[in-house]
Amino acid sequence: QVQLVESGGGLVQPGGSLRLSCVASGMIFSMYRMSWYRQAPGKQRELVARISSGGSTDYADFVKGRFTISRDSAKNTVYLQMNSLEPEDTAVYLCCADRAVPMREYWGQGTQVTVSS
C-alpha cells in the first residue's frame, strides 16, 4: 500500500517559482532515496534531482542553481523548490522512491508544471 502523492504543480510565467511536494505513505520513508523526474511531451523521462536518506543531493545540469530538493522526515515528504522557471521546464513531474536492499521502487502519479507567458 505504498503511495506517493505529488502536488504543487500549475501554470507559471517564465522566471516564476513553484514548490512541488510528494507525500509518501505505507513505507519507511527514511530507508528510501527520493527523486524527482520529469517527462515532457515527446521526450523521455529524465532525472531532475534526488536526495539520499542521509541528505546528499544530486541535480541535473539543467536545473543546477535553480532547483532545490529537500526532505522532511517528520512529514514523510520530499520537496522540489523550482525557481527561475523556463518554458523548457514544462513537463509532468514525478516523485520516485527507491532503495537497494531489498530492491524496491515506487512512483507517484505526477503533477503538471507548465511554464508559459
Protein backbone atom coordinates (compact mmCIF):
# COMPACT_ATOMS: atom_id res chain seq x y z
CA GLN A 1 0.00 0.00 0.00
CA VAL A 2 2.85 2.34 -0.73
CA GLN A 3 1.61 5.59 -2.14
CA LEU A 4 3.38 8.70 -3.39
CA VAL A 5 1.20 11.73 -3.99
CA GLU A 6 2.60 14.79 -5.73
CA SER A 7 1.14 18.27 -5.57
CA GLY A 8 2.07 21.87 -6.23
CA GLY A 9 2.16 21.92 -10.00
CA GLY A 10 0.48 24.57 -12.05
CA LEU A 11 0.88 27.31 -14.62
CA VAL A 12 3.58 29.93 -14.11
CA GLN A 13 5.24 32.55 -16.24
CA PRO A 14 8.91 32.33 -17.20
CA GLY A 15 11.03 33.42 -14.27
CA GLY A 16 8.43 32.33 -11.76
CA SER A 17 8.60 29.75 -9.00
CA LEU A 18 6.77 26.66 -7.84
CA ARG A 19 7.22 24.29 -4.94
CA LEU A 20 6.34 20.67 -5.54
CA SER A 21 5.55 18.27 -2.72
CA CYS A 22 5.50 14.49 -2.62
CA VAL A 23 3.94 12.81 0.39
CA ALA A 24 4.87 9.18 0.96
CA SER A 25 2.80 6.66 2.89
CA GLY A 26 2.92 2.94 3.53
CA MET A 27 6.71 2.86 3.61
CA ILE A 28 9.61 3.58 5.92
CA PHE A 29 10.46 6.95 4.46
CA SER A 30 13.95 7.16 5.95
CA MET A 31 15.04 4.00 4.13
CA TYR A 32 14.46 5.42 0.66
CA ARG A 33 16.27 7.65 -1.73
CA MET A 34 13.79 10.18 -3.07
CA SER A 35 13.94 11.60 -6.56
CA TRP A 36 12.11 13.95 -8.87
CA TYR A 37 11.85 13.06 -12.54
CA ARG A 38 10.10 14.86 -15.33
CA GLN A 39 8.68 13.90 -18.68
CA ALA A 40 7.77 16.36 -21.39
CA PRO A 41 5.63 15.52 -24.42
CA GLY A 42 7.62 13.56 -26.96
CA LYS A 43 10.61 13.23 -24.65
CA GLN A 44 11.96 10.51 -22.40
CA ARG A 45 11.67 10.71 -18.66
CA GLU A 46 14.69 12.39 -17.14
CA LEU A 47 16.08 12.75 -13.65
CA VAL A 48 15.76 16.24 -12.22
CA ALA A 49 17.08 15.88 -8.67
CA ARG A 50 17.49 13.32 -5.95
CA ILE A 51 18.21 13.22 -2.24
CA SER A 52 19.53 10.27 -0.26
CA SER A 53 18.33 9.11 3.12
CA GLY A 54 21.32 10.94 4.57
CA GLY A 55 20.53 14.18 2.81
CA SER A 56 23.05 14.08 -0.03
CA THR A 57 21.71 15.73 -3.17
CA ASP A 58 22.31 15.45 -6.88
CA TYR A 59 20.93 17.66 -9.64
CA ALA A 60 20.69 17.52 -13.36
CA ASP A 61 22.86 20.14 -15.02
CA PHE A 62 19.85 21.89 -16.50
CA VAL A 63 18.43 22.74 -13.06
CA LYS A 64 21.55 23.42 -11.01
CA GLY A 65 21.31 26.77 -9.29
CA ARG A 66 17.58 26.98 -9.91
CA PHE A 67 16.01 23.97 -8.17
CA THR A 68 16.44 22.67 -4.64
CA ILE A 69 15.39 19.26 -3.37
CA SER A 70 14.77 18.65 0.31
CA ARG A 71 13.04 16.16 2.57
CA ASP A 72 11.14 16.37 5.83
CA SER A 73 11.27 13.10 7.74
CA ALA A 74 8.57 14.16 10.18
CA LYS A 75 6.14 14.69 7.31
CA ASN A 76 7.33 11.86 5.05
CA THR A 77 7.58 14.48 2.34
CA VAL A 78 10.09 15.42 -0.31
CA TYR A 79 10.03 18.86 -1.90
CA LEU A 80 11.29 20.42 -5.07
CA GLN A 81 11.64 24.18 -4.96
CA MET A 82 11.77 25.44 -8.52
CA ASN A 83 12.92 28.98 -9.21
CA SER A 84 13.70 30.87 -12.39
CA LEU A 85 11.44 28.56 -14.33
CA GLU A 86 11.82 28.37 -18.07
CA PRO A 87 9.43 27.14 -20.77
CA GLU A 88 11.75 24.16 -21.21
CA ASP A 89 10.85 23.09 -17.67
CA THR A 90 7.30 22.32 -18.78
CA ALA A 91 6.63 18.66 -18.03
CA VAL A 92 4.88 16.21 -15.79
CA TYR A 93 6.98 15.95 -12.65
CA LEU A 94 7.01 12.59 -10.92
CA CYS A 95 8.18 11.53 -7.50
CA CYS A 96 10.15 8.31 -7.09
CA ALA A 97 11.20 6.39 -4.00
CA ASP A 98 13.76 3.61 -4.26
CA ARG A 99 16.07 1.52 -2.16
CA ALA A 100 18.67 -1.11 -2.98
CA VAL A 101 18.30 -3.74 -0.26
CA PRO A 102 15.80 -5.11 -0.65
CA MET A 103 15.27 -3.67 -4.10
CA ARG A 104 12.16 -1.51 -4.22
CA GLU A 105 10.93 1.28 -6.44
CA TYR A 106 7.73 3.29 -6.25
CA TRP A 107 6.34 6.10 -8.37
CA GLY A 108 3.78 8.80 -7.88
CA GLN A 109 1.16 9.81 -10.42
CA GLY A 110 2.82 13.05 -11.40
CA THR A 111 1.92 16.72 -11.30
CA GLN A 112 1.83 19.02 -14.32
CA VAL A 113 4.12 22.03 -14.46
CA THR A 114 3.55 24.46 -17.29
CA VAL A 115 5.81 27.47 -17.82
CA SER A 116 4.37 29.86 -20.36
CA SER A 117 3.78 33.53 -20.92
